[in-house]
């Protein structure tokens, strides 16, 4: 016999108890990752894992919330997912397709970022023996999880201000760079000049890897004929756009 039937009110109360009270691990982890990330990450690496959400669970929560965010944006704010206003003429369709691809495989892309960033971090901090590669994985799982969860608030503000995903993406990248530098500064106890230098080196290594990856992808696309198809598609799209524009000018 059911004594207390489930209602929307007690569902909200349960949610509040689980996620919004200060003593809750999730809320404590989120707040302390902003105030003292070296304590949250350091305690997990050192083996003290009861006070905060463990890194795997935190990462899983962030991926779930990111998926929910994309669903809400696509369902209720489709204009946010349209990059046409910031795209070069003729590339609107391609940019929107790329965004759709990134959105669809966001979870997988996030999981690929973690080992990549950890590897770059290990190289950049090679002269520091404080953390091994696995511990760098933990560091960036926490950092990316925190940024993804924080991104929910940023997206909410962006929707109010009328930003699209392109603008949100650029702002998010800037905040991620600053926040990552902040976390690494506290974890390695670095001075401001040192963390600025390390951050610059990190970005240089990331850019070099991006260029190498882009060249490899371009070669693959050229070999398979995908490059020609893309160029022809862009030409056709420009021709259609020009025809429509000409027709509108003629009728006016």
Protein backbone atom coordinates (compact mmCIF):
# COMPACT_ATOMS: atom_id res chain seq x y z
CA UNK A 1 0.00 0.00 0.00
CA UNK A 2 1.35 3.42 -1.01
CA UNK A 3 1.30 5.74 2.01
CA UNK A 4 2.70 8.89 0.32
CA UNK A 5 1.97 9.20 -3.36
CA UNK A 6 4.54 10.96 -5.53
CA UNK A 7 3.62 14.57 -6.26
CA UNK A 8 5.39 17.39 -8.07
CA UNK A 9 5.86 19.17 -4.72
CA UNK A 10 7.65 16.30 -2.95
CA UNK A 11 9.63 15.61 -6.12
CA UNK A 12 10.99 19.18 -5.95
CA UNK A 13 11.65 18.76 -2.23
CA UNK A 14 13.63 15.59 -2.91
CA UNK A 15 15.61 17.34 -5.64
CA UNK A 16 16.35 20.24 -3.28
CA UNK A 17 17.54 17.88 -0.55
CA UNK A 18 19.75 15.96 -2.94
CA UNK A 19 21.33 18.81 -4.88
CA UNK A 20 20.68 22.23 -3.34
CA UNK A 21 21.47 22.01 0.34
CA UNK A 22 24.95 23.11 1.31
CA UNK A 23 25.83 19.84 3.04
CA UNK A 24 25.22 17.97 -0.20
CA UNK A 25 28.35 16.61 -1.89
CA UNK A 26 27.42 17.92 -5.33
CA UNK A 27 26.84 21.50 -4.24
CA UNK A 28 29.89 21.41 -1.97
CA UNK A 29 32.04 20.09 -4.83
CA UNK A 30 30.79 22.77 -7.24
CA UNK A 31 31.36 25.62 -4.77
CA UNK A 32 34.77 24.40 -3.61
CA UNK A 33 35.90 23.83 -7.20
CA UNK A 34 35.42 27.56 -7.62
CA UNK A 35 36.97 28.61 -4.31
CA UNK A 36 39.71 26.03 -3.74
CA UNK A 37 40.01 23.51 -6.60
CA UNK A 38 43.36 22.30 -5.26
CA UNK A 39 41.57 20.92 -2.18
CA UNK A 40 38.87 19.08 -4.17
CA UNK A 41 41.27 17.64 -6.75
CA UNK A 42 44.14 17.15 -4.32
CA UNK A 43 42.00 15.29 -1.79
CA UNK A 44 40.79 12.86 -4.46
CA UNK A 45 44.32 12.22 -5.72
CA UNK A 46 45.59 11.78 -2.13
CA UNK A 47 42.86 9.23 -1.39
CA UNK A 48 40.46 11.31 0.74
CA UNK A 49 37.27 10.78 -1.26
CA UNK A 50 34.27 11.06 1.06
CA UNK A 51 33.81 14.84 1.27
CA UNK A 52 33.38 15.53 -2.45
CA UNK A 53 31.77 13.88 -5.46
CA UNK A 54 34.29 11.50 -7.02
CA UNK A 55 35.69 12.51 -10.38
CA UNK A 56 33.87 9.83 -12.43
CA UNK A 57 30.47 10.72 -10.97
CA UNK A 58 31.11 14.46 -11.37
CA UNK A 59 32.08 13.92 -15.00
CA UNK A 60 28.96 11.78 -15.60
CA UNK A 61 26.73 14.46 -14.01
CA UNK A 62 28.28 17.16 -16.21
CA UNK A 63 27.72 15.10 -19.39
CA UNK A 64 24.09 14.45 -18.39
CA UNK A 65 23.44 18.14 -17.70
CA UNK A 66 25.14 19.12 -20.98
CA UNK A 67 22.83 16.75 -22.87
CA UNK A 68 19.79 18.19 -21.10
CA UNK A 69 20.95 21.70 -21.96
CA UNK A 70 21.27 20.86 -25.66
CA UNK A 71 17.81 19.28 -25.67
CA UNK A 72 16.27 22.43 -24.14
CA UNK A 73 18.11 24.71 -26.57
CA UNK A 74 17.09 22.69 -29.62
CA UNK A 75 13.51 22.37 -28.40
CA UNK A 76 12.76 25.85 -27.09
CA UNK A 77 15.55 28.16 -28.33
CA UNK A 78 16.49 26.95 -31.87
CA UNK A 79 17.75 30.43 -32.77
CA UNK A 80 20.64 29.92 -30.32
CA UNK A 81 21.79 26.94 -32.39
CA UNK A 82 21.81 28.96 -35.64
CA UNK A 83 25.27 30.28 -36.63
CA UNK A 84 24.12 32.05 -39.80
CA UNK A 85 24.47 35.54 -38.33
CA UNK A 86 28.20 35.07 -37.57
CA UNK A 87 29.10 32.95 -40.61
CA UNK A 88 30.89 34.07 -43.75
CA UNK A 89 28.46 34.26 -46.66
CA UNK A 90 28.13 30.85 -48.26
CA UNK A 91 29.35 28.90 -45.23
CA UNK A 92 26.20 29.13 -43.10
CA UNK A 93 24.96 25.63 -43.90
CA UNK A 94 28.35 24.02 -43.33
CA UNK A 95 28.84 25.79 -39.98
CA UNK A 96 25.39 24.75 -38.79
CA UNK A 97 26.09 21.16 -39.84
CA UNK A 98 29.38 21.23 -37.92
CA UNK A 99 27.58 22.56 -34.84
CA UNK A 100 24.94 19.84 -35.17
CA UNK A 101 27.70 17.21 -35.38
CA UNK A 102 29.51 18.58 -32.31
CA UNK A 103 26.21 18.73 -30.40
CA UNK A 104 25.30 15.15 -31.32
CA UNK A 105 28.67 13.74 -30.25
CA UNK A 106 29.33 16.18 -27.41
CA UNK A 107 29.81 13.47 -24.80
CA UNK A 108 32.34 11.59 -26.91
CA UNK A 109 34.20 14.80 -27.76
CA UNK A 110 34.40 15.70 -24.05
CA UNK A 111 35.83 12.28 -23.28
CA UNK A 112 38.46 12.75 -25.99
CA UNK A 113 39.44 16.19 -24.68
CA UNK A 114 40.37 14.80 -21.26
CA UNK A 115 43.32 12.58 -22.34
CA UNK A 116 44.45 15.21 -24.85
CA UNK A 117 44.54 18.03 -22.30
CA UNK A 118 46.12 15.73 -19.72
CA UNK A 119 48.87 14.80 -22.17
CA UNK A 120 49.59 18.44 -23.04
CA UNK A 121 49.54 19.36 -19.35
CA UNK A 122 51.98 16.55 -18.54
CA UNK A 123 54.33 17.83 -21.26
CA UNK A 124 54.01 21.48 -20.18
CA UNK A 125 54.65 20.57 -16.52
CA UNK A 126 57.34 18.02 -17.32
CA UNK A 127 59.76 19.76 -14.96
CA UNK A 128 57.26 19.26 -12.11
CA UNK A 129 57.12 15.69 -10.82
CA UNK A 130 54.16 16.34 -8.55
CA UNK A 131 51.55 14.49 -10.66
CA UNK A 132 51.74 11.54 -13.05
CA UNK A 133 49.69 11.25 -16.26
CA UNK A 134 46.75 9.49 -14.57
CA UNK A 135 46.58 12.28 -12.01
CA UNK A 136 46.59 14.84 -14.83
CA UNK A 137 43.57 12.93 -16.22
CA UNK A 138 41.81 13.43 -12.88
CA UNK A 139 42.70 17.13 -12.86
CA UNK A 140 41.18 17.76 -16.29
CA UNK A 141 38.14 15.58 -15.68
CA UNK A 142 37.33 17.80 -12.72
CA UNK A 143 38.14 21.01 -14.63
CA UNK A 144 36.07 20.11 -17.71
CA UNK A 145 33.19 18.87 -15.54
CA UNK A 146 33.18 22.12 -13.60
CA UNK A 147 33.27 24.21 -16.77
CA UNK A 148 30.44 22.18 -18.31
CA UNK A 149 28.22 22.65 -15.25
CA UNK A 150 29.14 26.34 -15.01
CA UNK A 151 28.30 26.57 -18.72
CA UNK A 152 24.64 25.98 -17.85
CA UNK A 153 24.54 29.35 -16.08
CA UNK A 154 26.50 30.99 -18.91
CA UNK A 155 24.05 29.62 -21.49
CA UNK A 156 21.11 30.93 -19.46
CA UNK A 157 22.67 34.41 -19.44
CA UNK A 158 23.49 34.11 -23.16
CA UNK A 159 19.89 33.23 -24.03
CA UNK A 160 18.68 36.32 -22.15
CA UNK A 161 21.23 38.50 -23.98
CA UNK A 162 20.34 36.96 -27.36
CA UNK A 163 23.69 35.26 -28.00
CA UNK A 164 23.92 32.30 -30.36
CA UNK A 165 26.06 29.20 -29.80
CA UNK A 166 28.98 30.74 -31.71
CA UNK A 167 29.26 33.67 -29.30
CA UNK A 168 28.64 31.39 -26.32
CA UNK A 169 31.39 29.08 -27.56
CA UNK A 170 33.96 31.88 -27.81
CA UNK A 171 33.09 33.21 -24.33
CA UNK A 172 33.20 29.66 -22.92
CA UNK A 173 36.66 29.01 -24.40
CA UNK A 174 38.01 32.21 -22.87
CA UNK A 175 36.54 31.36 -19.45
CA UNK A 176 37.85 27.78 -19.72
CA UNK A 177 41.40 29.01 -20.40
CA UNK A 178 41.26 31.39 -17.43
CA UNK A 179 39.70 28.81 -15.10
CA UNK A 180 42.10 26.04 -16.13
CA UNK A 181 45.05 28.37 -15.50
CA UNK A 182 43.57 29.27 -12.11
CA UNK A 183 43.23 25.59 -11.11
CA UNK A 184 46.73 24.68 -12.29
CA UNK A 185 48.21 27.72 -10.57
CA UNK A 186 46.74 26.59 -7.24
CA UNK A 187 47.56 22.91 -7.76
CA UNK A 188 51.21 23.59 -8.58
CA UNK A 189 51.50 26.66 -6.30
CA UNK A 190 52.83 28.83 -9.13
CA UNK A 191 53.38 32.57 -9.29
CA UNK A 192 51.33 34.65 -11.77
CA UNK A 193 54.22 35.05 -14.28
CA UNK A 194 54.90 31.28 -14.21
CA UNK A 195 51.28 30.26 -14.79
CA UNK A 196 50.99 32.81 -17.62
CA UNK A 197 54.04 31.27 -19.25
CA UNK A 198 52.72 27.72 -18.74
CA UNK A 199 49.31 28.70 -20.13
CA UNK A 200 50.91 30.22 -23.21
CA UNK A 201 53.00 27.08 -23.72
CA UNK A 202 49.89 24.92 -23.29
CA UNK A 203 48.05 26.91 -25.97
CA UNK A 204 51.04 26.74 -28.34
CA UNK A 205 51.24 22.95 -28.02
CA UNK A 206 47.46 22.69 -28.49
CA UNK A 207 47.64 24.89 -31.60
CA UNK A 208 50.46 22.80 -33.08
CA UNK A 209 48.45 19.61 -32.52
CA UNK A 210 45.38 21.27 -34.05
CA UNK A 211 47.37 22.27 -37.16
CA UNK A 212 48.77 18.73 -37.50
CA UNK A 213 45.28 17.25 -37.11
CA UNK A 214 43.84 19.71 -39.67
CA UNK A 215 46.54 18.82 -42.20
CA UNK A 216 45.90 15.10 -41.70
CA UNK A 217 42.14 15.62 -42.13
CA UNK A 218 42.70 17.75 -45.26
CA UNK A 219 44.91 15.03 -46.79
CA UNK A 220 42.31 12.37 -46.00
CA UNK A 221 39.52 14.49 -47.48
CA UNK A 222 41.63 15.19 -50.59
CA UNK A 223 42.48 11.51 -51.06
CA UNK A 224 38.88 10.38 -50.65
CA UNK A 225 37.45 13.15 -52.85
CA UNK A 226 35.49 14.69 -49.98
CA UNK A 227 37.39 17.97 -50.40
CA UNK A 228 36.23 18.35 -54.02
CA UNK A 229 32.65 17.56 -53.05
CA UNK A 230 32.72 20.20 -50.31
CA UNK A 231 34.20 22.84 -52.66
CA UNK A 232 31.60 22.05 -55.32
CA UNK A 233 28.80 22.21 -52.75
CA UNK A 234 30.01 25.63 -51.59
CA UNK A 235 30.18 26.86 -55.20
CA UNK A 236 26.66 25.61 -55.86
CA UNK A 237 25.38 27.28 -52.70
CA UNK A 238 27.03 30.58 -53.63
CA UNK A 239 25.52 30.33 -57.14
CA UNK A 240 22.04 29.78 -55.70
CA UNK A 241 22.48 32.67 -53.26
CA UNK A 242 23.67 34.93 -56.10
CA UNK A 243 20.70 33.92 -58.29
CA UNK A 244 18.20 34.64 -55.51
CA UNK A 245 19.87 37.97 -54.76
CA UNK A 246 19.85 38.94 -58.44
CA UNK A 247 16.21 37.96 -58.80
CA UNK A 248 15.23 40.02 -55.75
CA UNK A 249 17.16 43.06 -57.07
CA UNK A 250 15.54 42.67 -60.49
CA UNK A 251 12.01 42.46 -59.09
CA UNK A 252 12.62 45.48 -56.88
